[in-house]
């Protein structure tokens, strides 16, 4: 959360820039929708987390 005027303005412009970038990516057909980058990142993080903990707890070697 931001409370100062400067922080609010910065947040607004960063949000606008992110939206613009997502729209350019969608228009260029690099992504299908705005949620695709987040979904792909979340899946990668979850996969890496699970593999790391399997390796640590079970002594398994991750096959990546």
PDB file of N, CA and C in Angstrom:
ATOM      1  N   UNK A   1       0.842  -1.174   0.000  1.00  0.00           N
ATOM      2  CA  UNK A   1       0.000   0.000   0.000  1.00  0.00           C
ATOM      3  C   UNK A   1       0.887   1.237   0.000  1.00  0.00           C
ATOM      4  N   UNK A   2       0.445   2.203  -0.711  1.00  0.00           N
ATOM      5  CA  UNK A   2       1.182   3.462  -0.772  1.00  0.00           C
ATOM      6  C   UNK A   2       0.299   4.572  -0.235  1.00  0.00           C
ATOM      7  N   UNK A   3       0.934   5.544   0.390  1.00  0.00           N
ATOM      8  CA  UNK A   3       0.159   6.631   1.000  1.00  0.00           C
ATOM      9  C   UNK A   3       0.601   8.022   0.561  1.00  0.00           C
ATOM     10  N   UNK A   4       1.848   8.148   0.174  1.00  0.00           N
ATOM     11  CA  UNK A   4       2.310   9.474  -0.229  1.00  0.00           C
ATOM     12  C   UNK A   4       1.915   9.738  -1.677  1.00  0.00           C
ATOM     13  N   UNK A   5       1.792  10.995  -2.017  1.00  0.00           N
ATOM     14  CA  UNK A   5       1.419  11.373  -3.370  1.00  0.00           C
ATOM     15  C   UNK A   5       2.428  10.852  -4.380  1.00  0.00           C
ATOM     16  N   UNK A   6       3.697  10.984  -4.074  1.00  0.00           N
ATOM     17  CA  UNK A   6       4.744  10.508  -4.987  1.00  0.00           C
ATOM     18  C   UNK A   6       4.638   9.001  -5.208  1.00  0.00           C
ATOM     19  N   UNK A   7       4.398   8.266  -4.152  1.00  0.00           N
ATOM     20  CA  UNK A   7       4.274   6.814  -4.267  1.00  0.00           C
ATOM     21  C   UNK A   7       3.043   6.426  -5.082  1.00  0.00           C
ATOM     22  N   UNK A   8       1.957   7.149  -4.910  1.00  0.00           N
ATOM     23  CA  UNK A   8       0.731   6.874  -5.668  1.00  0.00           C
ATOM     24  C   UNK A   8       0.959   7.131  -7.150  1.00  0.00           C
ATOM     25  N   UNK A   9       1.601   8.230  -7.467  1.00  0.00           N
ATOM     26  CA  UNK A   9       1.885   8.560  -8.869  1.00  0.00           C
ATOM     27  C   UNK A   9       2.815   7.510  -9.473  1.00  0.00           C
ATOM     28  N   UNK A  10       3.840   7.119  -8.747  1.00  0.00           N
ATOM     29  CA  UNK A  10       4.764   6.085  -9.230  1.00  0.00           C
ATOM     30  C   UNK A  10       4.023   4.777  -9.470  1.00  0.00           C
ATOM     31  N   UNK A  11       3.174   4.389  -8.546  1.00  0.00           N
ATOM     32  CA  UNK A  11       2.402   3.150  -8.683  1.00  0.00           C
ATOM     33  C   UNK A  11       1.484   3.224  -9.906  1.00  0.00           C
ATOM     34  N   UNK A  12       0.847   4.344 -10.105  1.00  0.00           N
ATOM     35  CA  UNK A  12      -0.038   4.526 -11.252  1.00  0.00           C
ATOM     36  C   UNK A  12       0.728   4.345 -12.558  1.00  0.00           C
ATOM     37  N   UNK A  13       1.870   5.008 -12.699  1.00  0.00           N
ATOM     38  CA  UNK A  13       2.631   4.925 -13.945  1.00  0.00           C
ATOM     39  C   UNK A  13       3.215   3.532 -14.162  1.00  0.00           C
ATOM     40  N   UNK A  14       3.645   2.882 -13.101  1.00  0.00           N
ATOM     41  CA  UNK A  14       4.150   1.503 -13.227  1.00  0.00           C
ATOM     42  C   UNK A  14       3.029   0.561 -13.657  1.00  0.00           C
ATOM     43  N   UNK A  15       1.845   0.747 -13.110  1.00  0.00           N
ATOM     44  CA  UNK A  15       0.690  -0.072 -13.494  1.00  0.00           C
ATOM     45  C   UNK A  15       0.327   0.154 -14.950  1.00  0.00           C
ATOM     46  N   UNK A  16       0.332   1.399 -15.373  1.00  0.00           N
ATOM     47  CA  UNK A  16       0.026   1.729 -16.761  1.00  0.00           C
ATOM     48  C   UNK A  16       1.064   1.132 -17.705  1.00  0.00           C
ATOM     49  N   UNK A  17       2.315   1.191 -17.316  1.00  0.00           N
ATOM     50  CA  UNK A  17       3.401   0.632 -18.127  1.00  0.00           C
ATOM     51  C   UNK A  17       3.270  -0.888 -18.232  1.00  0.00           C
ATOM     52  N   UNK A  18       2.949  -1.543 -17.134  1.00  0.00           N
ATOM     53  CA  UNK A  18       2.778  -2.995 -17.150  1.00  0.00           C
ATOM     54  C   UNK A  18       1.603  -3.383 -18.044  1.00  0.00           C
ATOM     55  N   UNK A  19       0.505  -2.668 -17.935  1.00  0.00           N
ATOM     56  CA  UNK A  19      -0.655  -2.932 -18.777  1.00  0.00           C
ATOM     57  C   UNK A  19      -0.303  -2.762 -20.249  1.00  0.00           C
ATOM     58  N   UNK A  20       0.410  -1.691 -20.568  1.00  0.00           N
ATOM     59  CA  UNK A  20       0.813  -1.427 -21.950  1.00  0.00           C
ATOM     60  C   UNK A  20       1.704  -2.552 -22.477  1.00  0.00           C
ATOM     61  N   UNK A  21       2.640  -2.996 -21.660  1.00  0.00           N
ATOM     62  CA  UNK A  21       3.542  -4.076 -22.076  1.00  0.00           C
ATOM     63  C   UNK A  21       2.756  -5.366 -22.331  1.00  0.00           C
ATOM     64  N   UNK A  22       1.831  -5.691 -21.445  1.00  0.00           N
ATOM     65  CA  UNK A  22       1.016  -6.889 -21.635  1.00  0.00           C
ATOM     66  C   UNK A  22       0.179  -6.792 -22.912  1.00  0.00           C
ATOM     67  N   UNK A  23      -0.379  -5.627 -23.176  1.00  0.00           N
ATOM     68  CA  UNK A  23      -1.175  -5.451 -24.393  1.00  0.00           C
ATOM     69  C   UNK A  23      -0.306  -5.577 -25.640  1.00  0.00           C
ATOM     70  N   UNK A  24       0.899  -5.036 -25.602  1.00  0.00           N
ATOM     71  CA  UNK A  24       1.799  -5.170 -26.753  1.00  0.00           C
ATOM     72  C   UNK A  24       2.172  -6.632 -26.976  1.00  0.00           C
ATOM     73  N   UNK A  25       2.411  -7.362 -25.893  1.00  0.00           N
ATOM     74  CA  UNK A  25       2.735  -8.785 -26.010  1.00  0.00           C
ATOM     75  C   UNK A  25       1.545  -9.560 -26.570  1.00  0.00           C
ATOM     76  N   UNK A  26       0.347  -9.239 -26.124  1.00  0.00           N
ATOM     77  CA  UNK A  26      -0.851  -9.914 -26.612  1.00  0.00           C
ATOM     78  C   UNK A  26      -1.086  -9.584 -28.082  1.00  0.00           C
ATOM     79  N   UNK A  27      -0.908  -8.323 -28.465  1.00  0.00           N
ATOM     80  CA  UNK A  27      -1.111  -7.910 -29.855  1.00  0.00           C
ATOM     81  C   UNK A  27      -0.077  -8.564 -30.777  1.00  0.00           C
ATOM     82  N   UNK A  28       1.122  -8.799 -30.271  1.00  0.00           N
ATOM     83  CA  UNK A  28       2.175  -9.451 -31.050  1.00  0.00           C
ATOM     84  C   UNK A  28       2.059 -10.968 -31.006  1.00  0.00           C
ATOM     85  N   UNK A  29       1.043 -11.445 -30.318  1.00  0.00           N
ATOM     86  CA  UNK A  29       0.771 -12.875 -30.157  1.00  0.00           C
ATOM     87  C   UNK A  29       1.898 -13.620 -29.433  1.00  0.00           C
ATOM     88  N   UNK A  30       2.593 -12.913 -28.553  1.00  0.00           N
ATOM     89  CA  UNK A  30       3.588 -13.562 -27.697  1.00  0.00           C
ATOM     90  C   UNK A  30       2.907 -14.258 -26.520  1.00  0.00           C
ATOM     91  N   UNK A  31       1.752 -13.742 -26.130  1.00  0.00           N
ATOM     92  CA  UNK A  31       0.929 -14.348 -25.082  1.00  0.00           C
ATOM     93  C   UNK A  31      -0.513 -14.364 -25.565  1.00  0.00           C
ATOM     94  N   UNK A  32      -1.301 -15.287 -24.989  1.00  0.00           N
ATOM     95  CA  UNK A  32      -2.714 -15.365 -25.387  1.00  0.00           C
ATOM     96  C   UNK A  32      -3.585 -14.406 -24.573  1.00  0.00           C
ATOM     97  N   UNK A  33      -3.229 -14.207 -23.305  1.00  0.00           N
ATOM     98  CA  UNK A  33      -4.007 -13.312 -22.454  1.00  0.00           C
ATOM     99  C   UNK A  33      -3.103 -12.738 -21.369  1.00  0.00           C
ATOM    100  N   UNK A  34      -3.630 -11.825 -20.600  1.00  0.00           N
ATOM    101  CA  UNK A  34      -2.825 -11.122 -19.591  1.00  0.00           C
ATOM    102  C   UNK A  34      -2.347 -12.033 -18.476  1.00  0.00           C
ATOM    103  N   UNK A  35      -3.030 -13.128 -18.244  1.00  0.00           N
ATOM    104  CA  UNK A  35      -2.721 -13.993 -17.109  1.00  0.00           C
ATOM    105  C   UNK A  35      -1.692 -15.060 -17.431  1.00  0.00           C
ATOM    106  N   UNK A  36      -1.375 -15.260 -18.690  1.00  0.00           N
ATOM    107  CA  UNK A  36      -0.442 -16.304 -19.093  1.00  0.00           C
ATOM    108  C   UNK A  36       0.940 -16.154 -18.456  1.00  0.00           C
ATOM    109  N   UNK A  37       1.581 -14.974 -18.458  1.00  0.00           N
ATOM    110  CA  UNK A  37       2.912 -14.876 -17.830  1.00  0.00           C
ATOM    111  C   UNK A  37       2.886 -15.238 -16.341  1.00  0.00           C
ATOM    112  N   UNK A  38       1.847 -14.800 -15.640  1.00  0.00           N
ATOM    113  CA  UNK A  38       1.738 -15.107 -14.210  1.00  0.00           C
ATOM    114  C   UNK A  38       1.556 -16.604 -13.998  1.00  0.00           C
ATOM    115  N   UNK A  39       0.713 -17.229 -14.794  1.00  0.00           N
ATOM    116  CA  UNK A  39       0.454 -18.659 -14.670  1.00  0.00           C
ATOM    117  C   UNK A  39       1.724 -19.458 -14.939  1.00  0.00           C
ATOM    118  N   UNK A  40       2.447 -19.099 -15.991  1.00  0.00           N
ATOM    119  CA  UNK A  40       3.674 -19.818 -16.330  1.00  0.00           C
ATOM    120  C   UNK A  40       4.735 -19.644 -15.246  1.00  0.00           C
ATOM    121  N   UNK A  41       4.841 -18.448 -14.702  1.00  0.00           N
ATOM    122  CA  UNK A  41       5.801 -18.206 -13.630  1.00  0.00           C
ATOM    123  C   UNK A  41       5.418 -18.975 -12.373  1.00  0.00           C
ATOM    124  N   UNK A  42       4.130 -18.964 -12.039  1.00  0.00           N
ATOM    125  CA  UNK A  42       3.665 -19.686 -10.851  1.00  0.00           C
ATOM    126  C   UNK A  42       3.924 -21.182 -10.973  1.00  0.00           C
ATOM    127  N   UNK A  43       3.671 -21.746 -12.151  1.00  0.00           N
ATOM    128  CA  UNK A  43       3.910 -23.177 -12.353  1.00  0.00           C
ATOM    129  C   UNK A  43       5.396 -23.514 -12.220  1.00  0.00           C
ATOM    130  N   UNK A  44       6.265 -22.659 -12.766  1.00  0.00           N
ATOM    131  CA  UNK A  44       7.704 -22.900 -12.674  1.00  0.00           C
ATOM    132  C   UNK A  44       8.172 -22.824 -11.220  1.00  0.00           C
ATOM    133  N   UNK A  45       7.694 -21.841 -10.486  1.00  0.00           N
ATOM    134  CA  UNK A  45       8.087 -21.696  -9.089  1.00  0.00           C
ATOM    135  C   UNK A  45       7.604 -22.880  -8.265  1.00  0.00           C
ATOM    136  N   UNK A  46       6.369 -23.303  -8.475  1.00  0.00           N
ATOM    137  CA  UNK A  46       5.831 -24.457  -7.741  1.00  0.00           C
ATOM    138  C   UNK A  46       6.625 -25.714  -8.071  1.00  0.00           C
ATOM    139  N   UNK A  47       6.935 -25.914  -9.346  1.00  0.00           N
ATOM    140  CA  UNK A  47       7.712 -27.084  -9.770  1.00  0.00           C
ATOM    141  C   UNK A  47       9.090 -27.075  -9.123  1.00  0.00           C
ATOM    142  N   UNK A  48       9.774 -25.945  -9.179  1.00  0.00           N
ATOM    143  CA  UNK A  48      11.112 -25.848  -8.585  1.00  0.00           C
ATOM    144  C   UNK A  48      11.069 -26.078  -7.078  1.00  0.00           C
ATOM    145  N   UNK A  49      10.054 -25.565  -6.403  1.00  0.00           N
ATOM    146  CA  UNK A  49       9.901 -25.739  -4.963  1.00  0.00           C
ATOM    147  C   UNK A  49       9.725 -27.218  -4.615  1.00  0.00           C
ATOM    148  N   UNK A  50       8.856 -27.884  -5.338  1.00  0.00           N
ATOM    149  CA  UNK A  50       8.606 -29.304  -5.077  1.00  0.00           C
ATOM    150  C   UNK A  50       9.864 -30.129  -5.337  1.00  0.00           C
ATOM    151  N   UNK A  51      10.511 -29.899  -6.456  1.00  0.00           N
ATOM    152  CA  UNK A  51      11.719 -30.663  -6.777  1.00  0.00           C
ATOM    153  C   UNK A  51      12.825 -30.420  -5.753  1.00  0.00           C
ATOM    154  N   UNK A  52      12.987 -29.186  -5.327  1.00  0.00           N
ATOM    155  CA  UNK A  52      14.012 -28.869  -4.340  1.00  0.00           C
ATOM    156  C   UNK A  52      13.764 -29.628  -3.035  1.00  0.00           C
ATOM    157  N   UNK A  53      12.512 -29.609  -2.575  1.00  0.00           N
ATOM    158  CA  UNK A  53      12.204 -30.265  -1.306  1.00  0.00           C
ATOM    159  C   UNK A  53      12.236 -31.785  -1.412  1.00  0.00           C
ATOM    160  N   UNK A  54      11.873 -32.330  -2.552  1.00  0.00           N
ATOM    161  CA  UNK A  54      12.022 -33.768  -2.746  1.00  0.00           C
ATOM    162  C   UNK A  54      13.485 -34.159  -2.678  1.00  0.00           C
ATOM    163  N   UNK A  55      14.303 -33.371  -3.318  1.00  0.00           N
ATOM    164  CA  UNK A  55      15.735 -33.636  -3.330  1.00  0.00           C
ATOM    165  C   UNK A  55      16.312 -33.540  -1.918  1.00  0.00           C
ATOM    166  N   UNK A  56      15.886 -32.545  -1.167  1.00  0.00           N
ATOM    167  CA  UNK A  56      16.396 -32.342   0.187  1.00  0.00           C
ATOM    168  C   UNK A  56      15.916 -33.421   1.149  1.00  0.00           C
ATOM    169  N   UNK A  57      14.642 -33.752   1.117  1.00  0.00           N
ATOM    170  CA  UNK A  57      14.061 -34.683   2.105  1.00  0.00           C
ATOM    171  C   UNK A  57      14.275 -36.143   1.747  1.00  0.00           C
ATOM    172  N   UNK A  58      14.262 -36.440   0.463  1.00  0.00           N
ATOM    173  CA  UNK A  58      14.343 -37.839   0.064  1.00  0.00           C
ATOM    174  C   UNK A  58      15.682 -38.213  -0.546  1.00  0.00           C
ATOM    175  N   UNK A  59      16.524 -37.224  -0.739  1.00  0.00           N
ATOM    176  CA  UNK A  59      17.826 -37.480  -1.325  1.00  0.00           C
ATOM    177  C   UNK A  59      17.735 -37.862  -2.789  1.00  0.00           C
ATOM    178  N   UNK A  60      16.669 -37.420  -3.454  1.00  0.00           N
ATOM    179  CA  UNK A  60      16.487 -37.727  -4.861  1.00  0.00           C
ATOM    180  C   UNK A  60      17.194 -36.697  -5.719  1.00  0.00           C
ATOM    181  N   UNK A  61      17.685 -37.143  -6.830  1.00  0.00           N
ATOM    182  CA  UNK A  61      18.286 -36.227  -7.792  1.00  0.00           C
ATOM    183  C   UNK A  61      17.192 -35.782  -8.737  1.00  0.00           C
ATOM    184  N   UNK A  62      17.046 -34.486  -8.888  1.00  0.00           N
ATOM    185  CA  UNK A  62      16.021 -33.940  -9.786  1.00  0.00           C
ATOM    186  C   UNK A  62      16.471 -34.110 -11.225  1.00  0.00           C
ATOM    187  N   UNK A  63      15.610 -34.654 -12.035  1.00  0.00           N
ATOM    188  CA  UNK A  63      15.883 -34.813 -13.462  1.00  0.00           C
ATOM    189  C   UNK A  63      15.261 -33.653 -14.211  1.00  0.00           C
ATOM    190  N   UNK A  64      16.044 -32.606 -14.467  1.00  0.00           N
ATOM    191  CA  UNK A  64      15.515 -31.439 -15.166  1.00  0.00           C
ATOM    192  C   UNK A  64      16.097 -31.333 -16.538  1.00  0.00           C
TER     193      UNK A  64
END
